[in-house]
Amino acid sequence: MNWGVHWSQGIMLGAVRGWMAEAGLRGPVGSFVHMIVRLLNDQTLENATGAGAPPWTWAGGRQAIDLLGKGIYAFVTGAVTDALIPSTDNGPEPRKAWNKARCFDDMSYVTGEIYGATGDKMPFEA
């Protein structure tokens, strides 16, 4: 039973990491968030079923082994999902060129002149 629960948790949370990668939460940050989700899931299930004890009652070595194991799982799973799932992010939107007409160094804000996106003077309606 222990191995079944262990593997089913890994498969279920691997799918969660895939959804994270598809949504754009990728790389080391995505893997770190996945590690936290993995720890929360594991502790919730173990303590809810009575199969485990709260981590603060464990010996220090046991905590380190648990964190290391779940960290390796999270970062390997992250590397695999990031490699297999194509990124939908095309990067940041290119910066638009600065339009001189939008600068206020020509005192247009005082005279009430309004310019459109192309720099053409637009009629002013009060």
C-alpha atoms as a PDB file:
ATOM      1  CA  MET A   1       0.000   0.000   0.000  1.00  0.00           C
ATOM      2  CA  ASN A   2       2.817   2.429   0.838  1.00  0.00           C
ATOM      3  CA  TRP A   3       4.398   2.059  -2.622  1.00  0.00           C
ATOM      4  CA  GLY A   4       1.009   2.490  -4.318  1.00  0.00           C
ATOM      5  CA  VAL A   5       0.354   5.738  -2.473  1.00  0.00           C
ATOM      6  CA  HIS A   6       3.927   6.876  -3.113  1.00  0.00           C
ATOM      7  CA  TRP A   7       3.714   6.269  -6.877  1.00  0.00           C
ATOM      8  CA  SER A   8       0.181   7.657  -7.250  1.00  0.00           C
ATOM      9  CA  GLN A   9       1.222  10.868  -5.483  1.00  0.00           C
ATOM     10  CA  GLY A  10       4.241  11.168  -7.756  1.00  0.00           C
ATOM     11  CA  ILE A  11       2.151  10.657 -10.897  1.00  0.00           C
ATOM     12  CA  MET A  12      -0.580  13.045  -9.761  1.00  0.00           C
ATOM     13  CA  LEU A  13       1.867  15.781  -8.788  1.00  0.00           C
ATOM     14  CA  GLY A  14       3.904  15.215 -11.948  1.00  0.00           C
ATOM     15  CA  ALA A  15       0.749  16.109 -13.868  1.00  0.00           C
ATOM     16  CA  VAL A  16       0.404  19.224 -11.701  1.00  0.00           C
ATOM     17  CA  ARG A  17       3.969  20.220 -12.675  1.00  0.00           C
ATOM     18  CA  GLY A  18       3.021  19.704 -16.326  1.00  0.00           C
ATOM     19  CA  TRP A  19       0.089  22.079 -15.930  1.00  0.00           C
ATOM     20  CA  MET A  20       2.381  24.576 -14.230  1.00  0.00           C
ATOM     21  CA  ALA A  21       4.804  24.421 -17.178  1.00  0.00           C
ATOM     22  CA  GLU A  22       1.963  24.820 -19.656  1.00  0.00           C
ATOM     23  CA  ALA A  23       0.711  27.865 -17.742  1.00  0.00           C
ATOM     24  CA  GLY A  24       4.166  29.468 -17.917  1.00  0.00           C
ATOM     25  CA  LEU A  25       5.489  28.648 -14.432  1.00  0.00           C
ATOM     26  CA  ARG A  26       8.738  27.069 -15.607  1.00  0.00           C
ATOM     27  CA  GLY A  27      12.395  26.755 -14.696  1.00  0.00           C
ATOM     28  CA  PRO A  28      13.834  26.812 -11.180  1.00  0.00           C
ATOM     29  CA  VAL A  29      10.998  28.951  -9.818  1.00  0.00           C
ATOM     30  CA  GLY A  30       8.402  26.490 -11.103  1.00  0.00           C
ATOM     31  CA  SER A  31      10.389  23.583  -9.669  1.00  0.00           C
ATOM     32  CA  PHE A  32      10.696  25.287  -6.278  1.00  0.00           C
ATOM     33  CA  VAL A  33       6.938  25.950  -6.180  1.00  0.00           C
ATOM     34  CA  HIS A  34       6.395  22.323  -7.180  1.00  0.00           C
ATOM     35  CA  MET A  35       8.624  21.174  -4.315  1.00  0.00           C
ATOM     36  CA  ILE A  36       6.502  23.173  -1.853  1.00  0.00           C
ATOM     37  CA  VAL A  37       3.304  21.683  -3.331  1.00  0.00           C
ATOM     38  CA  ARG A  38       4.855  18.209  -3.045  1.00  0.00           C
ATOM     39  CA  LEU A  39       5.780  18.766   0.610  1.00  0.00           C
ATOM     40  CA  LEU A  40       2.339  20.147   1.477  1.00  0.00           C
ATOM     41  CA  ASN A  41       0.587  17.260  -0.264  1.00  0.00           C
ATOM     42  CA  ASP A  42       2.775  14.648   1.412  1.00  0.00           C
ATOM     43  CA  GLN A  43       2.389  16.083   4.898  1.00  0.00           C
ATOM     44  CA  THR A  44      -1.345  16.612   4.519  1.00  0.00           C
ATOM     45  CA  LEU A  45      -1.956  13.027   3.446  1.00  0.00           C
ATOM     46  CA  GLU A  46       0.405  11.476   5.996  1.00  0.00           C
ATOM     47  CA  ASN A  47      -0.988  13.441   8.924  1.00  0.00           C
ATOM     48  CA  ALA A  48      -4.635  13.101   7.836  1.00  0.00           C
ATOM     49  CA  THR A  49      -4.325   9.323   7.619  1.00  0.00           C
ATOM     50  CA  GLY A  50      -2.240   9.013  10.783  1.00  0.00           C
ATOM     51  CA  ALA A  51       0.618   7.419   8.835  1.00  0.00           C
ATOM     52  CA  GLY A  52       3.097  10.155   9.695  1.00  0.00           C
ATOM     53  CA  ALA A  53       4.056  12.652  12.333  1.00  0.00           C
ATOM     54  CA  PRO A  54       4.421  16.430  11.967  1.00  0.00           C
ATOM     55  CA  PRO A  55       7.866  17.314  10.562  1.00  0.00           C
ATOM     56  CA  TRP A  56       8.868  19.358  13.619  1.00  0.00           C
ATOM     57  CA  THR A  57       8.806  16.132  15.648  1.00  0.00           C
ATOM     58  CA  TRP A  58      11.310  14.402  13.318  1.00  0.00           C
ATOM     59  CA  ALA A  59      15.009  14.150  13.914  1.00  0.00           C
ATOM     60  CA  GLY A  60      17.045  16.731  11.977  1.00  0.00           C
ATOM     61  CA  GLY A  61      18.583  14.123   9.692  1.00  0.00           C
ATOM     62  CA  ARG A  62      15.159  12.795   8.711  1.00  0.00           C
ATOM     63  CA  GLN A  63      13.977  16.295   7.759  1.00  0.00           C
ATOM     64  CA  ALA A  64      17.071  16.878   5.614  1.00  0.00           C
ATOM     65  CA  ILE A  65      16.615  13.543   3.811  1.00  0.00           C
ATOM     66  CA  ASP A  66      12.928  14.292   3.152  1.00  0.00           C
ATOM     67  CA  LEU A  67      13.672  17.789   1.811  1.00  0.00           C
ATOM     68  CA  LEU A  68      16.542  16.538  -0.323  1.00  0.00           C
ATOM     69  CA  GLY A  69      14.472  13.715  -1.800  1.00  0.00           C
ATOM     70  CA  LYS A  70      11.508  15.914  -2.590  1.00  0.00           C
ATOM     71  CA  GLY A  71      13.814  18.620  -3.963  1.00  0.00           C
ATOM     72  CA  ILE A  72      15.460  16.143  -6.335  1.00  0.00           C
ATOM     73  CA  TYR A  73      12.031  14.857  -7.377  1.00  0.00           C
ATOM     74  CA  ALA A  74      10.735  18.403  -7.991  1.00  0.00           C
ATOM     75  CA  PHE A  75      13.731  19.648  -9.976  1.00  0.00           C
ATOM     76  CA  VAL A  76      14.073  16.489 -12.110  1.00  0.00           C
ATOM     77  CA  THR A  77      10.332  16.518 -12.790  1.00  0.00           C
ATOM     78  CA  GLY A  78      10.595  20.215 -13.639  1.00  0.00           C
ATOM     79  CA  ALA A  79      13.469  19.667 -16.059  1.00  0.00           C
ATOM     80  CA  VAL A  80      11.581  16.856 -17.809  1.00  0.00           C
ATOM     81  CA  THR A  81       8.260  18.724 -18.048  1.00  0.00           C
ATOM     82  CA  ASP A  82       9.920  21.955 -19.176  1.00  0.00           C
ATOM     83  CA  ALA A  83      11.721  19.998 -21.906  1.00  0.00           C
ATOM     84  CA  LEU A  84       8.665  18.043 -23.054  1.00  0.00           C
ATOM     85  CA  ILE A  85       5.987  20.736 -22.877  1.00  0.00           C
ATOM     86  CA  PRO A  86       6.491  23.565 -25.386  1.00  0.00           C
ATOM     87  CA  SER A  87       6.456  27.063 -23.974  1.00  0.00           C
ATOM     88  CA  THR A  88       3.453  29.186 -24.873  1.00  0.00           C
ATOM     89  CA  ASP A  89       5.312  32.308 -23.819  1.00  0.00           C
ATOM     90  CA  ASN A  90       6.801  34.172 -26.750  1.00  0.00           C
ATOM     91  CA  GLY A  91       8.639  36.548 -24.466  1.00  0.00           C
ATOM     92  CA  PRO A  92       7.738  40.085 -23.529  1.00  0.00           C
ATOM     93  CA  GLU A  93       5.828  42.272 -25.946  1.00  0.00           C
ATOM     94  CA  PRO A  94       8.214  44.387 -28.019  1.00  0.00           C
ATOM     95  CA  ARG A  95       8.512  47.938 -26.801  1.00  0.00           C
ATOM     96  CA  LYS A  96       6.727  50.471 -28.984  1.00  0.00           C
ATOM     97  CA  ALA A  97       8.736  53.336 -30.428  1.00  0.00           C
ATOM     98  CA  TRP A  98       8.499  56.600 -28.539  1.00  0.00           C
ATOM     99  CA  ASN A  99       6.215  59.015 -30.330  1.00  0.00           C
ATOM    100  CA  LYS A 100       7.528  62.574 -30.205  1.00  0.00           C
ATOM    101  CA  ALA A 101       3.980  63.881 -30.393  1.00  0.00           C
ATOM    102  CA  ARG A 102       3.302  62.293 -27.027  1.00  0.00           C
ATOM    103  CA  CYS A 103       6.140  64.228 -25.411  1.00  0.00           C
ATOM    104  CA  PHE A 104       5.065  67.278 -23.514  1.00  0.00           C
ATOM    105  CA  ASP A 105       8.152  69.301 -24.302  1.00  0.00           C
ATOM    106  CA  ASP A 106       6.210  71.210 -27.003  1.00  0.00           C
ATOM    107  CA  MET A 107       3.799  72.715 -24.430  1.00  0.00           C
ATOM    108  CA  SER A 108       0.804  70.880 -25.926  1.00  0.00           C
ATOM    109  CA  TYR A 109      -0.431  70.151 -22.421  1.00  0.00           C
ATOM    110  CA  VAL A 110      -0.765  73.898 -21.833  1.00  0.00           C
ATOM    111  CA  THR A 111      -2.410  74.773 -25.150  1.00  0.00           C
ATOM    112  CA  GLY A 112      -4.773  71.803 -25.055  1.00  0.00           C
ATOM    113  CA  GLU A 113      -3.564  70.277 -28.304  1.00  0.00           C
ATOM    114  CA  ILE A 114      -4.137  66.545 -28.571  1.00  0.00           C
ATOM    115  CA  TYR A 115      -2.125  64.262 -30.825  1.00  0.00           C
ATOM    116  CA  GLY A 116      -3.085  60.802 -32.027  1.00  0.00           C
ATOM    117  CA  ALA A 117      -0.901  57.731 -32.057  1.00  0.00           C
ATOM    118  CA  THR A 118       0.529  58.677 -35.454  1.00  0.00           C
ATOM    119  CA  GLY A 119       1.477  62.182 -34.362  1.00  0.00           C
ATOM    120  CA  ASP A 120      -1.365  63.894 -36.236  1.00  0.00           C
ATOM    121  CA  LYS A 121      -3.079  66.757 -34.449  1.00  0.00           C
ATOM    122  CA  MET A 122      -6.564  65.751 -33.376  1.00  0.00           C
ATOM    123  CA  PRO A 123      -9.486  68.105 -32.860  1.00  0.00           C
ATOM    124  CA  PHE A 124      -9.911  69.189 -29.260  1.00  0.00           C
ATOM    125  CA  GLU A 125     -13.382  68.907 -27.775  1.00  0.00           C
ATOM    126  CA  ALA A 126     -13.989  70.589 -24.444  1.00  0.00           C
END
